[in-house]
C-alpha atoms as a PDB file:
ATOM      1  CA  MET A   1       0.000   0.000   0.000  1.00  0.00           C
ATOM      2  CA  ILE A   2       1.342   3.446  -0.889  1.00  0.00           C
ATOM      3  CA  LEU A   3       0.120   5.979   1.625  1.00  0.00           C
ATOM      4  CA  SER A   4      -0.908   9.452   0.577  1.00  0.00           C
ATOM      5  CA  LEU A   5      -2.285  11.521   3.431  1.00  0.00           C
ATOM      6  CA  ARG A   6      -4.036  14.680   2.372  1.00  0.00           C
ATOM      7  CA  THR A   7      -6.002  17.226   4.301  1.00  0.00           C
ATOM      8  CA  ALA A   8      -9.517  15.839   4.703  1.00  0.00           C
ATOM      9  CA  PRO A   9     -12.473  16.343   7.024  1.00  0.00           C
ATOM     10  CA  VAL A  10     -11.798  15.396  10.645  1.00  0.00           C
ATOM     11  CA  ARG A  11     -14.152  12.395  10.522  1.00  0.00           C
ATOM     12  CA  SER A  12     -12.042  10.773   7.799  1.00  0.00           C
ATOM     13  CA  HIS A  13      -8.901  11.528   9.853  1.00  0.00           C
ATOM     14  CA  ILE A  14     -10.376   9.587  12.766  1.00  0.00           C
ATOM     15  CA  LEU A  15     -11.442   6.643  10.586  1.00  0.00           C
ATOM     16  CA  SER A  16      -8.029   6.562   8.910  1.00  0.00           C
ATOM     17  CA  ALA A  17      -6.258   6.528  12.291  1.00  0.00           C
ATOM     18  CA  ILE A  18      -8.485   3.725  13.596  1.00  0.00           C
ATOM     19  CA  TYR A  19      -7.811   1.674  10.450  1.00  0.00           C
ATOM     20  CA  PHE A  20      -4.017   1.974  10.707  1.00  0.00           C
ATOM     21  CA  ALA A  21      -4.130   1.200  14.442  1.00  0.00           C
ATOM     22  CA  GLY A  22      -6.310  -1.889  13.950  1.00  0.00           C
ATOM     23  CA  SER A  23      -5.622  -5.548  13.258  1.00  0.00           C
ATOM     24  CA  LYS A  24      -6.762  -5.271   9.603  1.00  0.00           C
ATOM     25  CA  ALA A  25      -4.135  -2.640   8.777  1.00  0.00           C
ATOM     26  CA  PRO A  26      -1.723  -3.558   5.964  1.00  0.00           C
ATOM     27  CA  GLU A  27       1.436  -5.447   6.905  1.00  0.00           C
ATOM     28  CA  TYR A  28       3.629  -2.986   4.976  1.00  0.00           C
ATOM     29  CA  ILE A  29       3.245   0.655   3.921  1.00  0.00           C
ATOM     30  CA  LEU A  30       5.372   2.628   1.478  1.00  0.00           C
ATOM     31  CA  LEU A  31       5.595   6.185   2.730  1.00  0.00           C
ATOM     32  CA  LYS A  32       6.851   8.726   0.209  1.00  0.00           C
ATOM     33  CA  ASP A  33       8.802  11.555   1.797  1.00  0.00           C
ATOM     34  CA  ASP A  34       7.955  14.678  -0.167  1.00  0.00           C
ATOM     35  CA  THR A  35       6.262  18.017   0.264  1.00  0.00           C
ATOM     36  CA  ILE A  36       3.560  19.991  -1.527  1.00  0.00           C
ATOM     37  CA  TYR A  37       4.043  23.746  -1.268  1.00  0.00           C
ATOM     38  CA  GLY A  38       6.313  23.220   1.715  1.00  0.00           C
ATOM     39  CA  HIS A  39       3.872  21.004   3.628  1.00  0.00           C
ATOM     40  CA  ILE A  40       4.835  17.478   4.677  1.00  0.00           C
ATOM     41  CA  LYS A  41       1.753  15.499   3.614  1.00  0.00           C
ATOM     42  CA  TYR A  42       1.750  12.821   6.289  1.00  0.00           C
ATOM     43  CA  LEU A  43       2.061  15.366   9.099  1.00  0.00           C
ATOM     44  CA  GLU A  44      -1.115  17.172   7.941  1.00  0.00           C
ATOM     45  CA  ASN A  45      -3.195  14.371   9.472  1.00  0.00           C
ATOM     46  CA  PRO A  46      -1.934  14.119  13.079  1.00  0.00           C
ATOM     47  CA  LEU A  47      -4.270  11.295  14.145  1.00  0.00           C
ATOM     48  CA  THR A  48      -3.142   9.009  11.344  1.00  0.00           C
ATOM     49  CA  TRP A  49       0.499   9.988  11.830  1.00  0.00           C
ATOM     50  CA  GLU A  50       0.190   9.069  15.523  1.00  0.00           C
ATOM     51  CA  ALA A  51      -1.323   5.676  14.615  1.00  0.00           C
ATOM     52  CA  LEU A  52       1.500   4.988  12.141  1.00  0.00           C
ATOM     53  CA  LYS A  53       4.147   6.078  14.630  1.00  0.00           C
ATOM     54  CA  ASN A  54       2.702   3.895  17.385  1.00  0.00           C
ATOM     55  CA  HIS A  55       1.971   0.743  15.343  1.00  0.00           C
ATOM     56  CA  TYR A  56       4.652   0.616  12.627  1.00  0.00           C
ATOM     57  CA  SER A  57       8.439   0.499  12.517  1.00  0.00           C
ATOM     58  CA  VAL A  58      10.790   1.496   9.714  1.00  0.00           C
ATOM     59  CA  ALA A  59      11.878  -1.667   7.890  1.00  0.00           C
ATOM     60  CA  ASP A  60      13.871  -0.039   5.073  1.00  0.00           C
ATOM     61  CA  VAL A  61      14.808   3.391   3.729  1.00  0.00           C
ATOM     62  CA  SER A  62      15.528   4.537   0.188  1.00  0.00           C
ATOM     63  CA  ASP A  63      16.199   8.003  -1.231  1.00  0.00           C
ATOM     64  CA  TYR A  64      12.648   9.329  -0.814  1.00  0.00           C
ATOM     65  CA  MET A  65      10.642   6.395   0.530  1.00  0.00           C
ATOM     66  CA  LEU A  66      10.228   4.568   3.816  1.00  0.00           C
ATOM     67  CA  LEU A  67       9.037   0.992   4.088  1.00  0.00           C
ATOM     68  CA  LEU A  68       7.010   0.676   7.290  1.00  0.00           C
ATOM     69  CA  LYS A  69       6.271  -2.749   8.792  1.00  0.00           C
ATOM     70  CA  LYS A  70       3.361  -3.338  11.136  1.00  0.00           C
ATOM     71  CA  ASP A  71       4.401  -4.192  14.683  1.00  0.00           C
ATOM     72  CA  LYS A  72       3.549  -7.684  15.916  1.00  0.00           C
ATOM     73  CA  GLN A  73       1.046  -6.785  18.639  1.00  0.00           C
ATOM     74  CA  ILE A  74      -1.860  -4.638  17.473  1.00  0.00           C
ATOM     75  CA  ASN A  75      -5.125  -4.356  19.352  1.00  0.00           C
ATOM     76  CA  ASP A  76      -8.273  -3.128  17.635  1.00  0.00           C
ATOM     77  CA  CYS A  77      -9.427   0.359  18.564  1.00  0.00           C
ATOM     78  CA  THR A  78     -12.968   1.265  19.446  1.00  0.00           C
ATOM     79  CA  MET A  79     -14.619   4.603  18.844  1.00  0.00           C
ATOM     80  CA  ALA A  80     -17.298   6.059  21.095  1.00  0.00           C
ATOM     81  CA  LEU A  81     -19.911   8.489  19.811  1.00  0.00           C
ATOM     82  CA  LEU A  82     -19.439  11.719  21.740  1.00  0.00           C
ATOM     83  CA  ASN A  83     -21.888  13.908  19.872  1.00  0.00           C
ATOM     84  CA  ARG A  84     -24.507  13.500  17.177  1.00  0.00           C
ATOM     85  CA  ASP A  85     -25.164  16.412  14.847  1.00  0.00           C
ATOM     86  CA  VAL A  86     -28.850  16.672  14.051  1.00  0.00           C
END
Protein backbone atom coordinates (compact mmCIF):
# COMPACT_ATOMS: atom_id res chain seq x y z
CA MET A 1 0.00 0.00 0.00
CA ILE A 2 1.34 3.45 -0.89
CA LEU A 3 0.12 5.98 1.63
CA SER A 4 -0.91 9.45 0.58
CA LEU A 5 -2.29 11.52 3.43
CA ARG A 6 -4.04 14.68 2.37
CA THR A 7 -6.00 17.23 4.30
CA ALA A 8 -9.52 15.84 4.70
CA PRO A 9 -12.47 16.34 7.02
CA VAL A 10 -11.80 15.40 10.64
CA ARG A 11 -14.15 12.40 10.52
CA SER A 12 -12.04 10.77 7.80
CA HIS A 13 -8.90 11.53 9.85
CA ILE A 14 -10.38 9.59 12.77
CA LEU A 15 -11.44 6.64 10.59
CA SER A 16 -8.03 6.56 8.91
CA ALA A 17 -6.26 6.53 12.29
CA ILE A 18 -8.49 3.72 13.60
CA TYR A 19 -7.81 1.67 10.45
CA PHE A 20 -4.02 1.97 10.71
CA ALA A 21 -4.13 1.20 14.44
CA GLY A 22 -6.31 -1.89 13.95
CA SER A 23 -5.62 -5.55 13.26
CA LYS A 24 -6.76 -5.27 9.60
CA ALA A 25 -4.13 -2.64 8.78
CA PRO A 26 -1.72 -3.56 5.96
CA GLU A 27 1.44 -5.45 6.90
CA TYR A 28 3.63 -2.99 4.98
CA ILE A 29 3.24 0.65 3.92
CA LEU A 30 5.37 2.63 1.48
CA LEU A 31 5.60 6.18 2.73
CA LYS A 32 6.85 8.73 0.21
CA ASP A 33 8.80 11.56 1.80
CA ASP A 34 7.96 14.68 -0.17
CA THR A 35 6.26 18.02 0.26
CA ILE A 36 3.56 19.99 -1.53
CA TYR A 37 4.04 23.75 -1.27
CA GLY A 38 6.31 23.22 1.71
CA HIS A 39 3.87 21.00 3.63
CA ILE A 40 4.84 17.48 4.68
CA LYS A 41 1.75 15.50 3.61
CA TYR A 42 1.75 12.82 6.29
CA LEU A 43 2.06 15.37 9.10
CA GLU A 44 -1.12 17.17 7.94
CA ASN A 45 -3.20 14.37 9.47
CA PRO A 46 -1.93 14.12 13.08
CA LEU A 47 -4.27 11.30 14.14
CA THR A 48 -3.14 9.01 11.34
CA TRP A 49 0.50 9.99 11.83
CA GLU A 50 0.19 9.07 15.52
CA ALA A 51 -1.32 5.68 14.62
CA LEU A 52 1.50 4.99 12.14
CA LYS A 53 4.15 6.08 14.63
CA ASN A 54 2.70 3.90 17.38
CA HIS A 55 1.97 0.74 15.34
CA TYR A 56 4.65 0.62 12.63
CA SER A 57 8.44 0.50 12.52
CA VAL A 58 10.79 1.50 9.71
CA ALA A 59 11.88 -1.67 7.89
CA ASP A 60 13.87 -0.04 5.07
CA VAL A 61 14.81 3.39 3.73
CA SER A 62 15.53 4.54 0.19
CA ASP A 63 16.20 8.00 -1.23
CA TYR A 64 12.65 9.33 -0.81
CA MET A 65 10.64 6.40 0.53
CA LEU A 66 10.23 4.57 3.82
CA LEU A 67 9.04 0.99 4.09
CA LEU A 68 7.01 0.68 7.29
CA LYS A 69 6.27 -2.75 8.79
CA LYS A 70 3.36 -3.34 11.14
CA ASP A 71 4.40 -4.19 14.68
CA LYS A 72 3.55 -7.68 15.92
CA GLN A 73 1.05 -6.79 18.64
CA ILE A 74 -1.86 -4.64 17.47
CA ASN A 75 -5.13 -4.36 19.35
CA ASP A 76 -8.27 -3.13 17.64
CA CYS A 77 -9.43 0.36 18.56
CA THR A 78 -12.97 1.27 19.45
CA MET A 79 -14.62 4.60 18.84
CA ALA A 80 -17.30 6.06 21.10
CA LEU A 81 -19.91 8.49 19.81
CA LEU A 82 -19.44 11.72 21.74
CA ASN A 83 -21.89 13.91 19.87
CA ARG A 84 -24.51 13.50 17.18
CA ASP A 85 -25.16 16.41 14.85
CA VAL A 86 -28.85 16.67 14.05
